[in-house]
């Protein structure tokens, strides 16, 4: 059987690679511009296939023969929490460099393309940005499908992400009987139906797993005297930033006879900076530590008491589905790497079901 070869663009710390390898692909080329992320990547996968450079300086001839090209291109201009400048913004416009490389690979284009980005891409510029992506891939011969997969199906982290999967050649699917699905919700169905002139190839998808995993199983058990726990002054200040309803949530956690774990994060609200407790056993979406609102903290509470600390880098790794990932860099560098990365089992699930199904159709 021919080995399935993949190239990972915007590779970051290599979590797409980890997902691809689990799904039976061999990554033979990787590219990213960030040397700190490359350092983490190299510690886990080596760097013989890694090209540290701006994607704008690469050409199609630099890429070896591959069957799959993945691209988790920058989301800053597409995120609902970002500047919403869209696909032509300073960061997210890097997609067009990826498209240029595919264009230059005429005659040896990969059979599949897998894009991953934030859900905000679906609504960016009223859907025009996503239409431009699907249209641009169609011009290269790719028919596309769109999925929305949340990491919560695999790990206790709320992290919905949009996937665009392009397949080279083959017949265009009819949208006549397209129905909403847990990973193709009505918003995607509406988008596809409103753009039925584009090249679509619909894949029958199974329901994602419903794994019962809670935050408590992903947290480090640190002794009460560990230096990681905040001192009383800092902890009290966090408490003062909680609204009455979130103080009630904390009181509920404190009343437990067994240790209860929750996350807390800060948000800017009309009334100022607020600390919000999430106690449903799920972490919020991991982000890079830019500003106070981006970090999540871990609360442990029981027997009328509570304490709080920063989430550890190892906890970040577990919540991204990479519990054994080697962490050899400083704490903040690791958080930047994992916060910008993907949830490994979510990407693996998409690869196993989307690419296998489409491969059978070629």
Protein backbone atom coordinates (compact mmCIF):
# COMPACT_ATOMS: atom_id res chain seq x y z
CA UNK A 1 0.00 0.00 0.00
CA UNK A 2 1.31 3.44 -0.92
CA UNK A 3 2.39 5.51 2.06
CA UNK A 4 0.12 8.49 2.67
CA UNK A 5 2.28 11.61 2.78
CA UNK A 6 1.28 14.96 4.25
CA UNK A 7 2.63 18.50 4.50
CA UNK A 8 1.79 20.67 7.50
CA UNK A 9 1.65 24.42 6.86
CA UNK A 10 1.42 26.88 9.79
CA UNK A 11 2.71 23.89 11.71
CA UNK A 12 3.13 25.57 15.09
CA UNK A 13 4.17 23.01 17.68
CA UNK A 14 3.10 20.05 15.53
CA UNK A 15 -0.23 18.95 16.96
CA UNK A 16 -1.73 18.57 13.48
CA UNK A 17 1.22 16.31 12.73
CA UNK A 18 0.48 14.29 15.85
CA UNK A 19 -3.15 13.88 14.71
CA UNK A 20 -2.07 12.95 11.19
CA UNK A 21 0.35 10.30 12.43
CA UNK A 22 -2.33 8.79 14.64
CA UNK A 23 -4.61 8.65 11.58
CA UNK A 24 -1.97 6.83 9.52
CA UNK A 25 -0.33 9.71 7.63
CA UNK A 26 3.39 10.41 7.37
CA UNK A 27 4.31 14.12 7.59
CA UNK A 28 7.21 14.80 5.24
CA UNK A 29 7.20 18.61 5.23
CA UNK A 30 6.37 21.27 7.81
CA UNK A 31 6.56 25.05 7.75
CA UNK A 32 6.14 27.82 10.30
CA UNK A 33 7.65 31.25 10.86
CA UNK A 34 7.88 31.15 14.67
CA UNK A 35 11.23 29.94 16.08
CA UNK A 36 9.78 29.37 19.56
CA UNK A 37 7.17 27.00 18.18
CA UNK A 38 9.79 25.31 16.03
CA UNK A 39 11.79 24.66 19.21
CA UNK A 40 8.83 22.79 20.71
CA UNK A 41 8.18 20.98 17.42
CA UNK A 42 11.80 19.84 17.13
CA UNK A 43 11.86 18.49 20.68
CA UNK A 44 9.02 16.13 19.76
CA UNK A 45 9.45 15.34 16.07
CA UNK A 46 12.93 16.48 15.10
CA UNK A 47 13.44 19.28 12.60
CA UNK A 48 14.68 17.54 9.46
CA UNK A 49 11.36 18.15 7.69
CA UNK A 50 10.75 21.60 9.22
CA UNK A 51 11.31 24.76 7.18
CA UNK A 52 11.53 27.82 9.42
CA UNK A 53 10.51 30.66 7.12
CA UNK A 54 7.72 32.99 6.08
CA UNK A 55 5.31 31.05 3.89
CA UNK A 56 5.44 33.98 1.48
CA UNK A 57 9.04 33.03 0.64
CA UNK A 58 8.20 29.41 -0.19
CA UNK A 59 7.22 28.13 -3.59
CA UNK A 60 5.38 25.07 -4.81
CA UNK A 61 8.66 23.53 -5.91
CA UNK A 62 9.84 23.51 -2.27
CA UNK A 63 7.13 21.01 -1.32
CA UNK A 64 7.77 17.31 -1.93
CA UNK A 65 5.17 14.99 -3.42
CA UNK A 66 2.31 14.74 -0.95
CA UNK A 67 -1.25 13.45 -0.76
CA UNK A 68 -2.50 15.94 1.84
CA UNK A 69 -1.77 19.58 2.66
CA UNK A 70 -2.98 20.93 6.02
CA UNK A 71 -3.19 24.59 6.98
CA UNK A 72 -4.19 26.02 10.35
CA UNK A 73 -3.66 29.56 9.14
CA UNK A 74 -3.77 32.58 11.52
CA UNK A 75 -7.19 33.30 13.00
CA UNK A 76 -6.64 36.77 14.46
CA UNK A 77 -8.53 38.60 11.71
CA UNK A 78 -11.38 36.06 11.69
CA UNK A 79 -12.04 35.49 15.38
CA UNK A 80 -15.14 36.98 16.99
CA UNK A 81 -12.78 38.20 19.71
CA UNK A 82 -10.33 39.64 17.17
CA UNK A 83 -10.32 42.63 14.89
CA UNK A 84 -12.58 41.05 12.21
CA UNK A 85 -10.50 42.46 9.36
CA UNK A 86 -11.16 39.19 7.59
CA UNK A 87 -9.29 37.12 5.06
CA UNK A 88 -7.39 40.13 3.75
CA UNK A 89 -6.20 41.23 7.20
CA UNK A 90 -2.52 41.36 8.03
CA UNK A 91 -2.49 37.88 9.58
CA UNK A 92 -5.27 35.74 8.12
CA UNK A 93 -4.33 36.81 4.60
CA UNK A 94 -1.56 34.21 4.91
CA UNK A 95 -4.16 31.81 3.52
CA UNK A 96 -3.54 33.30 0.09
CA UNK A 97 0.14 32.33 0.28
CA UNK A 98 -0.93 28.76 0.99
CA UNK A 99 -3.27 28.93 -2.01
CA UNK A 100 -0.43 30.31 -4.15
CA UNK A 101 1.74 27.34 -3.24
CA UNK A 102 -1.05 24.93 -4.23
CA UNK A 103 -1.39 26.84 -7.50
CA UNK A 104 2.32 26.44 -8.19
CA UNK A 105 2.08 22.71 -7.53
CA UNK A 106 0.14 22.17 -10.76
CA UNK A 107 0.67 18.61 -11.90
CA UNK A 108 1.51 17.39 -8.38
CA UNK A 109 -1.20 18.94 -6.23
CA UNK A 110 -2.19 16.83 -3.22
CA UNK A 111 -5.39 14.84 -3.39
CA UNK A 112 -6.66 16.48 -0.22
CA UNK A 113 -6.53 19.84 1.53
CA UNK A 114 -7.50 20.26 5.17
CA UNK A 115 -8.02 23.76 6.61
CA UNK A 116 -8.70 24.44 10.29
CA UNK A 117 -9.75 27.75 11.80
CA UNK A 118 -12.10 29.47 14.23
CA UNK A 119 -15.87 29.39 13.85
CA UNK A 120 -15.77 33.12 13.15
CA UNK A 121 -14.64 32.27 9.62
CA UNK A 122 -18.21 31.17 8.88
CA UNK A 123 -19.58 34.68 9.47
CA UNK A 124 -16.54 36.81 8.59
CA UNK A 125 -17.61 39.59 6.22
CA UNK A 126 -21.08 38.09 6.03
CA UNK A 127 -19.72 34.75 4.78
CA UNK A 128 -17.72 36.28 1.93
CA UNK A 129 -14.36 35.18 3.32
CA UNK A 130 -15.39 31.53 3.56
CA UNK A 131 -16.95 31.70 0.11
CA UNK A 132 -13.68 33.09 -1.24
CA UNK A 133 -11.77 30.17 0.27
CA UNK A 134 -14.09 27.50 -1.14
CA UNK A 135 -14.22 29.27 -4.51
CA UNK A 136 -10.43 29.58 -4.66
CA UNK A 137 -9.99 25.88 -3.91
CA UNK A 138 -12.61 25.04 -6.50
CA UNK A 139 -10.59 26.89 -9.12
CA UNK A 140 -7.75 24.48 -8.39
CA UNK A 141 -10.02 21.47 -8.82
CA UNK A 142 -11.02 20.84 -5.21
CA UNK A 143 -14.58 20.08 -4.14
CA UNK A 144 -15.15 21.00 -0.49
CA UNK A 145 -17.09 20.03 2.58
CA UNK A 146 -17.35 22.01 5.82
CA UNK A 147 -17.59 20.69 9.37
CA UNK A 148 -17.78 22.20 12.82
CA UNK A 149 -16.17 19.95 15.42
CA UNK A 150 -15.85 20.79 19.11
CA UNK A 151 -12.99 19.43 21.21
CA UNK A 152 -15.53 18.80 23.98
CA UNK A 153 -16.40 15.50 22.29
CA UNK A 154 -12.90 14.25 23.09
CA UNK A 155 -11.53 16.23 26.04
CA UNK A 156 -13.06 18.53 28.69
CA UNK A 157 -12.36 21.71 26.72
CA UNK A 158 -14.90 23.83 24.85
CA UNK A 159 -13.09 24.49 21.57
CA UNK A 160 -15.33 24.53 18.46
CA UNK A 161 -13.39 24.74 15.22
CA UNK A 162 -14.32 24.95 11.55
CA UNK A 163 -12.80 22.47 9.11
CA UNK A 164 -12.78 22.84 5.33
CA UNK A 165 -11.82 19.62 3.54
CA UNK A 166 -11.09 19.77 -0.18
CA UNK A 167 -10.87 16.72 -2.45
CA UNK A 168 -9.25 16.91 -5.86
CA UNK A 169 -11.37 15.78 -8.81
CA UNK A 170 -14.48 13.67 -8.63
CA UNK A 171 -18.13 14.50 -8.98
CA UNK A 172 -19.83 17.50 -7.41
CA UNK A 173 -22.42 16.60 -4.76
CA UNK A 174 -26.00 17.81 -4.91
CA UNK A 175 -27.19 19.90 -1.97
CA UNK A 176 -30.81 19.01 -2.58
CA UNK A 177 -31.15 16.65 0.39
CA UNK A 178 -28.55 18.26 2.64
CA UNK A 179 -29.66 18.17 6.26
CA UNK A 180 -28.13 19.54 9.43
CA UNK A 181 -25.94 17.25 11.51
CA UNK A 182 -24.16 17.55 14.82
CA UNK A 183 -20.94 18.41 12.97
CA UNK A 184 -22.63 20.16 10.07
CA UNK A 185 -25.10 22.42 11.91
CA UNK A 186 -27.82 24.47 10.30
CA UNK A 187 -25.59 27.54 9.96
CA UNK A 188 -23.25 25.54 7.70
CA UNK A 189 -26.16 24.03 5.77
CA UNK A 190 -27.53 27.54 5.20
CA UNK A 191 -24.14 28.78 4.04
CA UNK A 192 -23.65 25.91 1.62
CA UNK A 193 -27.19 26.25 0.26
CA UNK A 194 -26.71 29.99 -0.26
CA UNK A 195 -23.54 29.21 -2.23
CA UNK A 196 -24.71 26.21 -4.22
CA UNK A 197 -22.79 27.43 -7.27
CA UNK A 198 -19.54 26.38 -5.56
CA UNK A 199 -18.01 22.91 -5.82
CA UNK A 200 -19.24 20.82 -2.92
CA UNK A 201 -18.61 17.19 -2.04
CA UNK A 202 -20.68 16.04 0.91
CA UNK A 203 -19.36 13.28 3.13
CA UNK A 204 -21.62 11.16 5.30
CA UNK A 205 -20.34 11.65 8.82
CA UNK A 206 -20.93 9.59 11.97
CA UNK A 207 -21.92 11.20 15.23
CA UNK A 208 -18.85 12.32 17.19
CA UNK A 209 -18.12 10.40 20.39
CA UNK A 210 -19.83 11.44 23.60
CA UNK A 211 -17.02 10.77 26.03
CA UNK A 212 -17.66 11.50 29.67
CA UNK A 213 -14.43 13.18 30.62
CA UNK A 214 -14.24 15.79 33.32
CA UNK A 215 -11.71 18.45 34.19
CA UNK A 216 -10.83 16.71 37.45
CA UNK A 217 -9.19 13.85 35.52
CA UNK A 218 -6.99 16.29 33.59
CA UNK A 219 -5.71 18.41 36.46
CA UNK A 220 -2.44 18.10 38.33
CA UNK A 221 -2.77 17.19 42.01
CA UNK A 222 -0.56 19.70 43.76
CA UNK A 223 -0.06 19.68 47.53
CA UNK A 224 -1.64 22.51 49.50
CA UNK A 225 1.77 24.02 50.23
CA UNK A 226 2.91 24.03 46.59
CA UNK A 227 4.24 27.46 45.52
CA UNK A 228 1.92 27.38 42.50
CA UNK A 229 -1.10 28.31 44.63
CA UNK A 230 -1.76 32.03 44.88
CA UNK A 231 -1.24 33.87 48.12
CA UNK A 232 -4.27 35.06 50.11
CA UNK A 233 -4.07 38.64 48.86
CA UNK A 234 -4.11 37.70 45.18
CA UNK A 235 -6.81 35.10 45.79
CA UNK A 236 -8.99 37.62 47.61
CA UNK A 237 -8.61 40.12 44.77
CA UNK A 238 -9.87 37.46 42.35
CA UNK A 239 -12.87 36.87 44.62
CA UNK A 240 -13.71 40.60 44.59
CA UNK A 241 -13.82 40.46 40.78
CA UNK A 242 -16.57 37.82 40.83
CA UNK A 243 -20.22 38.79 40.41
CA UNK A 244 -22.67 37.56 43.07
CA UNK A 245 -23.74 34.68 40.83
CA UNK A 246 -20.16 33.48 40.36
CA UNK A 247 -19.52 33.80 44.11
CA UNK A 248 -22.49 31.48 44.55
CA UNK A 249 -20.89 28.98 42.18
CA UNK A 250 -17.71 29.12 44.23
CA UNK A 251 -19.70 28.65 47.44
CA UNK A 252 -21.29 25.55 45.92
CA UNK A 253 -17.84 24.14 45.17
CA UNK A 254 -16.61 24.90 48.69
CA UNK A 255 -19.52 22.99 50.22
CA UNK A 256 -18.32 19.73 48.69
CA UNK A 257 -16.80 17.09 50.94
CA UNK A 258 -14.51 15.96 48.12
CA UNK A 259 -12.15 18.11 46.08
CA UNK A 260 -13.94 19.85 43.23
CA UNK A 261 -12.12 21.44 40.31
CA UNK A 262 -13.20 24.34 38.16
CA UNK A 263 -11.67 26.94 35.89
CA UNK A 264 -11.88 30.68 36.26
CA UNK A 265 -11.01 33.31 33.70
CA UNK A 266 -11.27 37.06 33.47
CA UNK A 267 -13.43 38.95 31.01
CA UNK A 268 -13.90 42.65 30.38
CA UNK A 269 -17.54 43.49 31.03
CA UNK A 270 -19.37 46.85 31.07
CA UNK A 271 -18.90 46.91 34.84
CA UNK A 272 -15.16 46.30 34.49
CA UNK A 273 -12.92 43.24 34.75
CA UNK A 274 -14.87 40.23 35.99
CA UNK A 275 -13.68 36.79 37.10
CA UNK A 276 -16.04 34.09 35.86
CA UNK A 277 -16.10 30.58 37.32
CA UNK A 278 -16.92 27.60 35.12
CA UNK A 279 -17.88 24.61 37.25
CA UNK A 280 -19.40 22.16 34.76
CA UNK A 281 -16.27 20.03 34.53
CA UNK A 282 -15.19 21.64 31.25
CA UNK A 283 -12.43 24.18 30.62
CA UNK A 284 -13.06 27.15 28.39
CA UNK A 285 -11.22 27.44 25.10
CA UNK A 286 -7.47 27.55 25.69
CA UNK A 287 -5.83 30.67 24.33
CA UNK A 288 -2.40 32.22 24.23
CA UNK A 289 -1.51 34.28 27.32
CA UNK A 290 -2.02 37.69 25.76
CA UNK A 291 -3.68 39.88 28.37
CA UNK A 292 -5.43 38.83 31.57
CA UNK A 293 -8.60 37.69 29.82
CA UNK A 294 -6.73 35.01 27.89
CA UNK A 295 -5.46 32.98 30.82
CA UNK A 296 -7.44 30.37 32.67
CA UNK A 297 -6.88 29.51 36.29
CA UNK A 298 -7.67 26.34 38.20
CA UNK A 299 -9.74 26.32 41.38
CA UNK A 300 -9.69 23.44 43.86
CA UNK A 301 -12.36 23.62 46.54
CA UNK A 302 -13.76 21.44 49.35
CA UNK A 303 -14.67 21.48 53.05
CA UNK A 304 -15.46 25.19 53.09
CA UNK A 305 -12.13 26.27 51.62
CA UNK A 306 -10.71 26.98 48.17
CA UNK A 307 -7.46 27.86 46.46
CA UNK A 308 -6.49 28.95 42.96
CA UNK A 309 -3.45 28.76 40.69
CA UNK A 310 -2.43 29.20 37.08
CA UNK A 311 -3.20 26.26 34.79
CA UNK A 312 0.00 24.31 34.20
CA UNK A 313 1.57 23.69 30.81
CA UNK A 314 1.01 19.96 31.26
CA UNK A 315 -2.69 20.61 31.82
CA UNK A 316 -2.73 22.62 28.59
CA UNK A 317 -1.17 19.63 26.82
CA UNK A 318 -3.73 17.20 28.23
CA UNK A 319 -6.64 19.46 27.28
CA UNK A 320 -5.28 19.60 23.73
CA UNK A 321 -5.23 15.80 23.65
CA UNK A 322 -1.44 15.54 23.82
CA UNK A 323 -0.73 14.31 27.35
CA UNK A 324 2.72 12.89 26.53
CA UNK A 325 3.99 15.86 24.53
CA UNK A 326 7.53 16.78 25.62
CA UNK A 327 7.63 20.21 27.24
CA UNK A 328 11.21 21.48 27.36
CA UNK A 329 10.59 25.25 27.16
CA UNK A 330 9.65 27.92 29.72
CA UNK A 331 6.07 28.10 30.97
CA UNK A 332 4.86 31.13 28.99
CA UNK A 333 6.43 29.83 25.78
CA UNK A 334 4.62 26.53 26.25
CA UNK A 335 1.28 28.28 26.81
CA UNK A 336 1.72 30.29 23.62
CA UNK A 337 2.44 27.07 21.75
CA UNK A 338 -0.51 25.09 23.07
CA UNK A 339 -2.92 28.03 23.01
CA UNK A 340 -2.35 28.49 19.27
CA UNK A 341 -2.56 24.76 18.52
CA UNK A 342 -5.32 22.27 17.71
CA UNK A 343 -7.05 19.57 19.73
CA UNK A 344 -5.33 16.41 18.52
CA UNK A 345 -8.19 13.87 18.78
CA UNK A 346 -10.63 16.27 17.08
CA UNK A 347 -8.34 16.65 14.07
CA UNK A 348 -7.62 12.92 14.04
CA UNK A 349 -11.37 12.19 13.99
CA UNK A 350 -11.89 14.52 11.02
CA UNK A 351 -9.00 12.93 9.15
CA UNK A 352 -10.14 9.38 9.77
CA UNK A 353 -13.70 9.97 8.63
CA UNK A 354 -13.44 12.75 6.04
CA UNK A 355 -10.31 11.71 4.19
CA UNK A 356 -11.03 7.98 4.20
CA UNK A 357 -14.52 8.54 2.82
CA UNK A 358 -13.37 10.91 0.12
CA UNK A 359 -10.43 8.69 -0.84
CA UNK A 360 -12.89 5.91 -1.63
CA UNK A 361 -14.69 8.23 -4.05
CA UNK A 362 -11.65 9.22 -6.09
